[in-house]
Amino acid sequence: MKTLLNLLAGLGAILVLLALLSCTQGPQPGAEQQQQKPENSQKETEMPDKIHITIDGKTLSIVLETNDATQALVGALREAPIQYTASDYGGFEKVGPLGRSLPADNSQITTQAGDVILYSGDQIVLFYGSNTWSYTRLGKIPYESLDELKAFLKAGAGDVSVTLAL
């Protein structure tokens, strides 16, 4: 009887040891998938360096600044493209309501052609000329010639439909 109890105690100790070892071994099946999920969601939250602007079927890029306003804009664009109507103003810009407010960090700047600016926290201004005012910079449309930029923005031609997208 004593031998049987010793044998059972030894067997119990071996089972406890095996249970402990299985808890400390490397990743269990399925652990790789759990580790990849944060990596994938990190890619979804990475800040892109540009977005796309489409006017009258033609698309160009906007190279983004890094600030709270562009991060909020990109966040909104992850949900859906943004469409708005922009109008000529002052003979040097197209301006239109964004349909939402973005965090502004205004400073006195002199704009240049191609600048994309947040005005009053809820309007996007696309410059084809220059102006000095208190704005938040969003980005810049690279262009080869001023004539090309003006043609893209339909400068002086009245209202245009603008689509912003990732």
N, C-alpha and C. Protein backbone atom coordinates (compact mmCIF):
# COMPACT_ATOMS: atom_id res chain seq x y z
N MET A 1 0.82 -1.18 0.00
CA MET A 1 0.00 0.00 0.00
C MET A 1 0.87 1.25 0.00
N LYS A 2 1.96 1.22 0.82
CA LYS A 2 2.86 2.35 0.88
C LYS A 2 3.53 2.58 -0.48
N THR A 3 3.87 1.53 -1.19
CA THR A 3 4.50 1.63 -2.49
C THR A 3 3.53 2.25 -3.49
N LEU A 4 2.27 1.87 -3.42
CA LEU A 4 1.27 2.43 -4.32
C LEU A 4 1.09 3.92 -4.08
N LEU A 5 1.10 4.34 -2.80
CA LEU A 5 0.98 5.77 -2.49
C LEU A 5 2.21 6.54 -2.98
N ASN A 6 3.40 5.98 -2.81
CA ASN A 6 4.62 6.62 -3.30
C ASN A 6 4.59 6.76 -4.82
N LEU A 7 4.11 5.70 -5.49
CA LEU A 7 4.01 5.73 -6.95
C LEU A 7 3.01 6.80 -7.41
N LEU A 8 1.87 6.89 -6.74
CA LEU A 8 0.87 7.92 -7.09
C LEU A 8 1.39 9.33 -6.81
N ALA A 9 2.11 9.51 -5.70
CA ALA A 9 2.69 10.81 -5.38
C ALA A 9 3.72 11.21 -6.43
N GLY A 10 4.54 10.27 -6.86
CA GLY A 10 5.54 10.54 -7.90
C GLY A 10 4.88 10.89 -9.22
N LEU A 11 3.83 10.15 -9.57
CA LEU A 11 3.10 10.42 -10.79
C LEU A 11 2.44 11.80 -10.75
N GLY A 12 1.90 12.16 -9.60
CA GLY A 12 1.29 13.49 -9.42
C GLY A 12 2.32 14.59 -9.59
N ALA A 13 3.53 14.38 -9.04
CA ALA A 13 4.60 15.37 -9.17
C ALA A 13 5.00 15.55 -10.62
N ILE A 14 5.06 14.44 -11.37
CA ILE A 14 5.41 14.53 -12.79
C ILE A 14 4.35 15.31 -13.56
N LEU A 15 3.07 15.07 -13.27
CA LEU A 15 1.98 15.79 -13.94
C LEU A 15 2.03 17.29 -13.64
N VAL A 16 2.31 17.64 -12.39
CA VAL A 16 2.43 19.06 -12.02
C VAL A 16 3.59 19.69 -12.78
N LEU A 17 4.73 18.99 -12.86
CA LEU A 17 5.90 19.50 -13.57
C LEU A 17 5.58 19.71 -15.05
N LEU A 18 4.89 18.76 -15.67
CA LEU A 18 4.52 18.88 -17.08
C LEU A 18 3.57 20.08 -17.29
N ALA A 19 2.64 20.27 -16.40
CA ALA A 19 1.71 21.40 -16.50
C ALA A 19 2.45 22.72 -16.41
N LEU A 20 3.41 22.81 -15.51
CA LEU A 20 4.21 24.04 -15.37
C LEU A 20 5.05 24.29 -16.62
N LEU A 21 5.65 23.25 -17.16
CA LEU A 21 6.47 23.40 -18.36
C LEU A 21 5.65 23.87 -19.56
N SER A 22 4.41 23.38 -19.68
CA SER A 22 3.58 23.79 -20.82
C SER A 22 3.19 25.26 -20.71
N CYS A 23 3.15 25.80 -19.50
CA CYS A 23 2.83 27.22 -19.32
C CYS A 23 4.00 28.12 -19.67
N THR A 24 5.21 27.64 -19.58
CA THR A 24 6.39 28.49 -19.80
C THR A 24 7.03 28.27 -21.15
N GLN A 25 6.47 27.41 -21.98
CA GLN A 25 7.05 27.19 -23.30
C GLN A 25 6.76 28.38 -24.19
N GLY A 26 7.35 28.39 -25.39
CA GLY A 26 7.19 29.48 -26.35
C GLY A 26 5.74 29.71 -26.71
N PRO A 27 5.50 30.51 -27.72
CA PRO A 27 4.14 30.89 -28.12
C PRO A 27 3.29 29.67 -28.43
N GLN A 28 2.06 29.74 -28.00
CA GLN A 28 1.10 28.68 -28.25
C GLN A 28 0.52 28.89 -29.64
N PRO A 29 -0.08 27.85 -30.23
CA PRO A 29 -0.72 28.02 -31.54
C PRO A 29 -1.72 29.18 -31.48
N GLY A 30 -1.69 30.01 -32.52
CA GLY A 30 -2.58 31.17 -32.58
C GLY A 30 -1.95 32.43 -32.01
N ALA A 31 -0.83 32.30 -31.28
CA ALA A 31 -0.20 33.47 -30.69
C ALA A 31 0.37 34.39 -31.77
N GLU A 32 0.84 33.80 -32.89
CA GLU A 32 1.38 34.63 -33.97
C GLU A 32 0.30 35.56 -34.52
N GLN A 33 -0.92 35.07 -34.66
CA GLN A 33 -2.00 35.91 -35.16
C GLN A 33 -2.27 37.06 -34.21
N GLN A 34 -2.21 36.80 -32.90
CA GLN A 34 -2.45 37.86 -31.94
C GLN A 34 -1.34 38.91 -32.03
N GLN A 35 -0.11 38.49 -32.28
CA GLN A 35 0.99 39.44 -32.37
C GLN A 35 0.91 40.25 -33.65
N GLN A 36 0.34 39.71 -34.72
CA GLN A 36 0.27 40.43 -35.98
C GLN A 36 -0.83 41.49 -35.98
N LYS A 37 -1.87 41.28 -35.20
CA LYS A 37 -2.98 42.24 -35.21
C LYS A 37 -2.55 43.64 -34.82
N PRO A 38 -1.77 43.83 -33.72
CA PRO A 38 -1.34 45.19 -33.41
C PRO A 38 -0.50 45.79 -34.52
N GLU A 39 0.32 44.96 -35.19
CA GLU A 39 1.16 45.46 -36.27
C GLU A 39 0.30 45.98 -37.41
N ASN A 40 -0.76 45.23 -37.78
CA ASN A 40 -1.66 45.66 -38.84
C ASN A 40 -2.40 46.93 -38.46
N SER A 41 -2.90 47.02 -37.23
CA SER A 41 -3.63 48.21 -36.83
C SER A 41 -2.69 49.40 -36.72
N GLN A 42 -1.40 49.16 -36.46
CA GLN A 42 -0.43 50.25 -36.44
C GLN A 42 -0.29 50.84 -37.84
N LYS A 43 -0.26 49.99 -38.87
CA LYS A 43 -0.17 50.49 -40.24
C LYS A 43 -1.38 51.34 -40.59
N GLU A 44 -2.55 50.95 -40.08
CA GLU A 44 -3.76 51.71 -40.36
C GLU A 44 -3.74 53.08 -39.69
N THR A 45 -3.00 53.22 -38.60
CA THR A 45 -2.97 54.49 -37.89
C THR A 45 -1.73 55.32 -38.22
N GLU A 46 -0.82 54.80 -39.04
CA GLU A 46 0.34 55.59 -39.43
C GLU A 46 -0.10 56.80 -40.24
N MET A 47 0.58 57.89 -40.04
CA MET A 47 0.25 59.13 -40.73
C MET A 47 0.84 59.09 -42.14
N PRO A 48 0.00 59.18 -43.17
CA PRO A 48 0.53 59.24 -44.54
C PRO A 48 1.21 60.58 -44.77
N ASP A 49 2.10 60.63 -45.75
CA ASP A 49 2.77 61.90 -46.04
C ASP A 49 2.04 62.71 -47.09
N LYS A 50 1.00 62.11 -47.69
CA LYS A 50 0.21 62.86 -48.68
C LYS A 50 -1.21 62.33 -48.74
N ILE A 51 -2.08 63.17 -49.27
CA ILE A 51 -3.45 62.78 -49.59
C ILE A 51 -3.68 63.19 -51.04
N HIS A 52 -4.85 62.88 -51.57
CA HIS A 52 -5.14 63.19 -52.96
C HIS A 52 -6.28 64.20 -53.06
N ILE A 53 -6.16 65.07 -54.04
CA ILE A 53 -7.19 66.06 -54.31
C ILE A 53 -7.63 65.90 -55.75
N THR A 54 -8.94 65.83 -55.95
CA THR A 54 -9.49 65.66 -57.29
C THR A 54 -10.43 66.81 -57.59
N ILE A 55 -10.21 67.42 -58.76
CA ILE A 55 -11.06 68.49 -59.26
C ILE A 55 -11.33 68.18 -60.73
N ASP A 56 -12.61 68.15 -61.09
CA ASP A 56 -13.01 67.95 -62.49
C ASP A 56 -12.34 66.71 -63.10
N GLY A 57 -12.28 65.61 -62.33
CA GLY A 57 -11.75 64.35 -62.83
C GLY A 57 -10.24 64.22 -62.85
N LYS A 58 -9.51 65.28 -62.47
CA LYS A 58 -8.06 65.22 -62.45
C LYS A 58 -7.60 65.18 -60.99
N THR A 59 -6.61 64.33 -60.70
CA THR A 59 -6.14 64.14 -59.33
C THR A 59 -4.67 64.51 -59.20
N LEU A 60 -4.37 65.25 -58.16
CA LEU A 60 -2.99 65.56 -57.76
C LEU A 60 -2.82 65.19 -56.29
N SER A 61 -1.59 65.24 -55.83
CA SER A 61 -1.30 64.95 -54.42
C SER A 61 -1.15 66.25 -53.64
N ILE A 62 -1.44 66.15 -52.36
CA ILE A 62 -1.12 67.21 -51.41
C ILE A 62 -0.11 66.61 -50.44
N VAL A 63 1.08 67.18 -50.40
CA VAL A 63 2.09 66.74 -49.44
C VAL A 63 1.75 67.39 -48.11
N LEU A 64 1.52 66.57 -47.09
CA LEU A 64 0.99 67.05 -45.81
C LEU A 64 2.07 67.58 -44.87
N GLU A 65 1.68 68.59 -44.12
CA GLU A 65 2.44 69.04 -42.95
C GLU A 65 2.15 68.02 -41.84
N THR A 66 2.94 68.06 -40.79
CA THR A 66 2.68 67.21 -39.63
C THR A 66 2.20 68.11 -38.50
N ASN A 67 0.89 68.05 -38.24
CA ASN A 67 0.30 68.82 -37.14
C ASN A 67 -1.04 68.21 -36.76
N ASP A 68 -1.65 68.74 -35.73
CA ASP A 68 -2.93 68.19 -35.25
C ASP A 68 -4.03 68.30 -36.30
N ALA A 69 -4.01 69.37 -37.08
CA ALA A 69 -5.05 69.55 -38.09
C ALA A 69 -4.97 68.48 -39.17
N THR A 70 -3.75 68.18 -39.65
CA THR A 70 -3.62 67.16 -40.70
C THR A 70 -3.93 65.77 -40.14
N GLN A 71 -3.58 65.53 -38.89
CA GLN A 71 -3.91 64.24 -38.28
C GLN A 71 -5.43 64.07 -38.19
N ALA A 72 -6.13 65.13 -37.82
CA ALA A 72 -7.59 65.07 -37.75
C ALA A 72 -8.19 64.91 -39.15
N LEU A 73 -7.62 65.59 -40.13
CA LEU A 73 -8.10 65.47 -41.50
C LEU A 73 -7.91 64.04 -42.01
N VAL A 74 -6.75 63.47 -41.80
CA VAL A 74 -6.49 62.09 -42.22
C VAL A 74 -7.44 61.13 -41.51
N GLY A 75 -7.69 61.38 -40.22
CA GLY A 75 -8.64 60.55 -39.49
C GLY A 75 -10.02 60.57 -40.14
N ALA A 76 -10.47 61.73 -40.55
CA ALA A 76 -11.76 61.85 -41.22
C ALA A 76 -11.73 61.16 -42.58
N LEU A 77 -10.62 61.28 -43.30
CA LEU A 77 -10.51 60.67 -44.63
C LEU A 77 -10.44 59.15 -44.54
N ARG A 78 -10.00 58.62 -43.41
CA ARG A 78 -10.01 57.16 -43.23
C ARG A 78 -11.44 56.62 -43.21
N GLU A 79 -12.37 57.45 -42.80
CA GLU A 79 -13.77 57.05 -42.76
C GLU A 79 -14.42 57.16 -44.14
N ALA A 80 -14.11 58.23 -44.86
CA ALA A 80 -14.68 58.44 -46.20
C ALA A 80 -14.02 59.66 -46.84
N PRO A 81 -13.99 59.70 -48.17
CA PRO A 81 -13.50 60.92 -48.84
C PRO A 81 -14.37 62.11 -48.46
N ILE A 82 -13.79 63.29 -48.52
CA ILE A 82 -14.52 64.52 -48.20
C ILE A 82 -14.73 65.30 -49.50
N GLN A 83 -15.97 65.71 -49.75
CA GLN A 83 -16.30 66.51 -50.92
C GLN A 83 -16.85 67.85 -50.46
N TYR A 84 -16.42 68.89 -51.15
CA TYR A 84 -16.94 70.22 -50.85
C TYR A 84 -16.84 71.08 -52.11
N THR A 85 -17.48 72.23 -52.07
CA THR A 85 -17.43 73.17 -53.19
C THR A 85 -16.51 74.34 -52.81
N ALA A 86 -15.58 74.66 -53.70
CA ALA A 86 -14.65 75.77 -53.46
C ALA A 86 -14.93 76.88 -54.47
N SER A 87 -14.82 78.11 -53.98
CA SER A 87 -15.09 79.29 -54.80
C SER A 87 -13.86 80.17 -54.85
N ASP A 88 -13.72 80.92 -55.95
CA ASP A 88 -12.63 81.89 -56.05
C ASP A 88 -12.85 83.01 -55.06
N TYR A 89 -11.75 83.50 -54.51
CA TYR A 89 -11.81 84.63 -53.60
C TYR A 89 -10.55 85.47 -53.78
N GLY A 90 -10.74 86.75 -53.98
CA GLY A 90 -9.63 87.70 -54.04
C GLY A 90 -8.69 87.56 -55.22
N GLY A 91 -8.97 86.68 -56.15
CA GLY A 91 -8.10 86.51 -57.32
C GLY A 91 -6.82 85.76 -57.00
N PHE A 92 -6.76 85.08 -55.84
CA PHE A 92 -5.53 84.36 -55.48
C PHE A 92 -5.79 83.03 -54.78
N GLU A 93 -7.08 82.65 -54.60
CA GLU A 93 -7.36 81.42 -53.86
C GLU A 93 -8.73 80.85 -54.21
N LYS A 94 -8.87 79.55 -53.92
CA LYS A 94 -10.16 78.86 -53.93
C LYS A 94 -10.42 78.48 -52.48
N VAL A 95 -11.59 78.77 -51.97
CA VAL A 95 -11.91 78.48 -50.58
C VAL A 95 -13.27 77.81 -50.49
N GLY A 96 -13.38 76.86 -49.56
CA GLY A 96 -14.65 76.18 -49.39
C GLY A 96 -14.78 75.58 -48.01
N PRO A 97 -16.03 75.39 -47.57
CA PRO A 97 -16.29 74.83 -46.24
C PRO A 97 -16.00 73.34 -46.21
N LEU A 98 -15.24 72.93 -45.22
CA LEU A 98 -14.85 71.53 -45.07
C LEU A 98 -16.00 70.66 -44.57
N GLY A 99 -16.96 71.28 -43.89
CA GLY A 99 -18.08 70.52 -43.35
C GLY A 99 -17.81 69.96 -41.97
N ARG A 100 -16.69 70.32 -41.40
CA ARG A 100 -16.30 69.90 -40.05
C ARG A 100 -15.19 70.83 -39.59
N SER A 101 -14.94 70.85 -38.30
CA SER A 101 -13.85 71.67 -37.75
C SER A 101 -12.63 70.80 -37.51
N LEU A 102 -11.49 71.38 -37.75
CA LEU A 102 -10.21 70.74 -37.45
C LEU A 102 -9.48 71.60 -36.42
N PRO A 103 -8.59 71.00 -35.63
CA PRO A 103 -7.85 71.80 -34.66
C PRO A 103 -6.92 72.79 -35.36
N ALA A 104 -7.09 74.05 -35.05
CA ALA A 104 -6.27 75.11 -35.68
C ALA A 104 -5.10 75.47 -34.79
N ASP A 105 -3.98 75.76 -35.43
CA ASP A 105 -2.79 76.27 -34.74
C ASP A 105 -2.28 77.42 -35.61
N ASN A 106 -3.08 78.48 -35.65
CA ASN A 106 -2.83 79.59 -36.57
C ASN A 106 -1.56 80.35 -36.22
N SER A 107 -0.90 80.79 -37.29
CA SER A 107 0.22 81.72 -37.15
C SER A 107 0.22 82.60 -38.39
N GLN A 108 0.80 83.76 -38.26
CA GLN A 108 0.87 84.71 -39.37
C GLN A 108 1.84 84.16 -40.42
N ILE A 109 1.32 83.87 -41.61
CA ILE A 109 2.17 83.35 -42.68
C ILE A 109 1.84 84.04 -43.99
N THR A 110 2.79 84.03 -44.88
CA THR A 110 2.57 84.49 -46.25
C THR A 110 2.51 83.25 -47.12
N THR A 111 1.37 83.02 -47.73
CA THR A 111 1.18 81.83 -48.54
C THR A 111 1.83 81.98 -49.90
N GLN A 112 1.98 80.84 -50.55
CA GLN A 112 2.48 80.79 -51.92
C GLN A 112 1.55 79.91 -52.73
N ALA A 113 1.65 80.01 -54.03
CA ALA A 113 0.84 79.16 -54.90
C ALA A 113 1.11 77.70 -54.56
N GLY A 114 0.03 76.92 -54.49
CA GLY A 114 0.14 75.50 -54.15
C GLY A 114 -0.11 75.20 -52.69
N ASP A 115 -0.07 76.23 -51.82
CA ASP A 115 -0.32 76.00 -50.40
C ASP A 115 -1.77 75.58 -50.17
N VAL A 116 -1.93 74.63 -49.27
CA VAL A 116 -3.25 74.18 -48.82
C VAL A 116 -3.34 74.56 -47.36
N ILE A 117 -4.33 75.38 -47.02
CA ILE A 117 -4.40 76.05 -45.73
C ILE A 117 -5.74 75.80 -45.06
N LEU A 118 -5.72 75.71 -43.74
CA LEU A 118 -6.95 75.68 -42.95
C LEU A 118 -7.21 77.11 -42.50
N TYR A 119 -8.41 77.59 -42.79
CA TYR A 119 -8.81 78.93 -42.41
C TYR A 119 -10.02 78.84 -41.50
N SER A 120 -9.98 79.54 -40.41
CA SER A 120 -11.11 79.63 -39.49
C SER A 120 -11.52 78.26 -38.94
N GLY A 121 -10.61 77.29 -38.99
CA GLY A 121 -10.83 75.98 -38.41
C GLY A 121 -11.72 75.04 -39.21
N ASP A 122 -12.45 75.59 -40.21
CA ASP A 122 -13.39 74.73 -40.92
C ASP A 122 -13.48 75.00 -42.43
N GLN A 123 -12.50 75.74 -42.96
CA GLN A 123 -12.48 76.01 -44.40
C GLN A 123 -11.11 75.66 -44.96
N ILE A 124 -11.12 75.09 -46.15
CA ILE A 124 -9.88 74.75 -46.85
C ILE A 124 -9.64 75.81 -47.91
N VAL A 125 -8.42 76.32 -47.93
CA VAL A 125 -8.04 77.32 -48.93
C VAL A 125 -6.94 76.73 -49.80
N LEU A 126 -7.15 76.79 -51.11
CA LEU A 126 -6.19 76.31 -52.10
C LEU A 126 -5.65 77.54 -52.82
N PHE A 127 -4.38 77.83 -52.61
CA PHE A 127 -3.80 79.06 -53.14
C PHE A 127 -3.21 78.88 -54.52
N TYR A 128 -3.53 79.84 -55.41
CA TYR A 128 -2.86 79.96 -56.71
C TYR A 128 -2.18 81.32 -56.81
N GLY A 129 -2.18 82.05 -55.71
CA GLY A 129 -1.49 83.33 -55.57
C GLY A 129 -0.93 83.39 -54.16
N SER A 130 -0.81 84.60 -53.64
CA SER A 130 -0.20 84.78 -52.33
C SER A 130 -1.06 85.69 -51.45
N ASN A 131 -0.99 85.45 -50.14
CA ASN A 131 -1.69 86.28 -49.18
C ASN A 131 -1.00 86.12 -47.83
N THR A 132 -1.09 87.15 -47.01
CA THR A 132 -0.55 87.08 -45.65
C THR A 132 -1.72 87.18 -44.68
N TRP A 133 -1.81 86.17 -43.79
CA TRP A 133 -2.89 86.12 -42.82
C TRP A 133 -2.52 85.11 -41.76
N SER A 134 -3.39 84.95 -40.78
CA SER A 134 -3.18 83.96 -39.73
C SER A 134 -3.89 82.66 -40.12
N TYR A 135 -3.09 81.64 -40.46
CA TYR A 135 -3.61 80.37 -40.97
C TYR A 135 -2.94 79.19 -40.26
N THR A 136 -3.49 78.01 -40.53
CA THR A 136 -2.85 76.74 -40.17
C THR A 136 -2.50 76.04 -41.47
N ARG A 137 -1.23 75.73 -41.64
CA ARG A 137 -0.76 75.06 -42.85
C ARG A 137 -1.18 73.59 -42.83
N LEU A 138 -1.77 73.11 -43.92
CA LEU A 138 -2.11 71.69 -44.05
C LEU A 138 -1.15 70.96 -44.97
N GLY A 139 -0.74 71.63 -46.04
CA GLY A 139 0.17 70.97 -46.98
C GLY A 139 0.41 71.81 -48.21
N LYS A 140 0.92 71.14 -49.24
CA LYS A 140 1.27 71.84 -50.47
C LYS A 140 1.00 70.91 -51.65
N ILE A 141 0.44 71.49 -52.71
CA ILE A 141 0.25 70.77 -53.96
C ILE A 141 1.50 71.02 -54.81
N PRO A 142 2.32 69.98 -55.04
CA PRO A 142 3.47 70.18 -55.93
C PRO A 142 2.98 70.38 -57.37
N TYR A 143 3.59 71.29 -58.09
CA TYR A 143 3.18 71.54 -59.46
C TYR A 143 4.40 71.92 -60.28
N GLU A 144 4.28 71.72 -61.59
CA GLU A 144 5.41 72.01 -62.48
C GLU A 144 5.43 73.46 -62.93
N SER A 145 4.25 74.03 -63.15
CA SER A 145 4.19 75.44 -63.55
C SER A 145 2.96 76.07 -62.92
N LEU A 146 3.01 77.36 -62.74
CA LEU A 146 1.87 78.07 -62.17
C LEU A 146 0.65 77.93 -63.08
N ASP A 147 0.85 77.95 -64.37
CA ASP A 147 -0.26 77.76 -65.31
C ASP A 147 -0.92 76.40 -65.10
N GLU A 148 -0.10 75.35 -64.87
CA GLU A 148 -0.65 74.02 -64.62
C GLU A 148 -1.50 74.02 -63.34
N LEU A 149 -0.99 74.65 -62.28
CA LEU A 149 -1.73 74.72 -61.02
C LEU A 149 -3.04 75.48 -61.20
N LYS A 150 -2.98 76.63 -61.87
CA LYS A 150 -4.20 77.43 -62.09
C LYS A 150 -5.22 76.66 -62.91
N ALA A 151 -4.76 75.92 -63.91
CA ALA A 151 -5.68 75.12 -64.73
C ALA A 151 -6.31 74.02 -63.88
N PHE A 152 -5.52 73.37 -63.03
CA PHE A 152 -6.05 72.32 -62.17
C PHE A 152 -7.11 72.87 -61.21
N LEU A 153 -6.82 74.02 -60.59
CA LEU A 153 -7.74 74.62 -59.63
C LEU A 153 -8.90 75.36 -60.29
N LYS A 154 -8.85 75.49 -61.62
CA LYS A 154 -9.86 76.26 -62.36
C LYS A 154 -9.91 77.69 -61.82
N ALA A 155 -8.71 78.25 -61.66
CA ALA A 155 -8.56 79.59 -61.10
C ALA A 155 -9.36 80.61 -61.91
N GLY A 156 -10.19 81.39 -61.22
CA GLY A 156 -10.98 82.43 -61.85
C GLY A 156 -12.21 81.93 -62.59
N ALA A 157 -12.44 80.62 -62.61
CA ALA A 157 -13.55 80.06 -63.38
C ALA A 157 -14.79 79.78 -62.54
N GLY A 158 -14.81 80.24 -61.30
CA GLY A 158 -15.99 80.04 -60.46
C GLY A 158 -15.88 78.79 -59.58
N ASP A 159 -17.02 78.30 -59.16
CA ASP A 159 -17.08 77.18 -58.22
C ASP A 159 -16.59 75.88 -58.84
N VAL A 160 -15.92 75.08 -58.01
CA VAL A 160 -15.47 73.74 -58.41
C VAL A 160 -15.82 72.75 -57.31
N SER A 161 -16.05 71.52 -57.70
CA SER A 161 -16.27 70.45 -56.74
C SER A 161 -14.91 69.82 -56.44
N VAL A 162 -14.58 69.73 -55.15
CA VAL A 162 -13.28 69.22 -54.70
C VAL A 162 -13.52 67.94 -53.90
N THR A 163 -12.70 66.93 -54.17
CA THR A 163 -12.74 65.70 -53.38
C THR A 163 -11.34 65.47 -52.79
N LEU A 164 -11.30 65.26 -51.49
CA LEU A 164 -10.06 64.89 -50.78
C LEU A 164 -10.17 63.43 -50.40
N ALA A 165 -9.10 62.67 -50.61
CA ALA A 165 -9.11 61.24 -50.30
C ALA A 165 -7.70 60.76 -49.97
N LEU A 166 -7.65 59.62 -49.31
CA LEU A 166 -6.34 58.99 -49.03
C LEU A 166 -5.82 58.30 -50.27
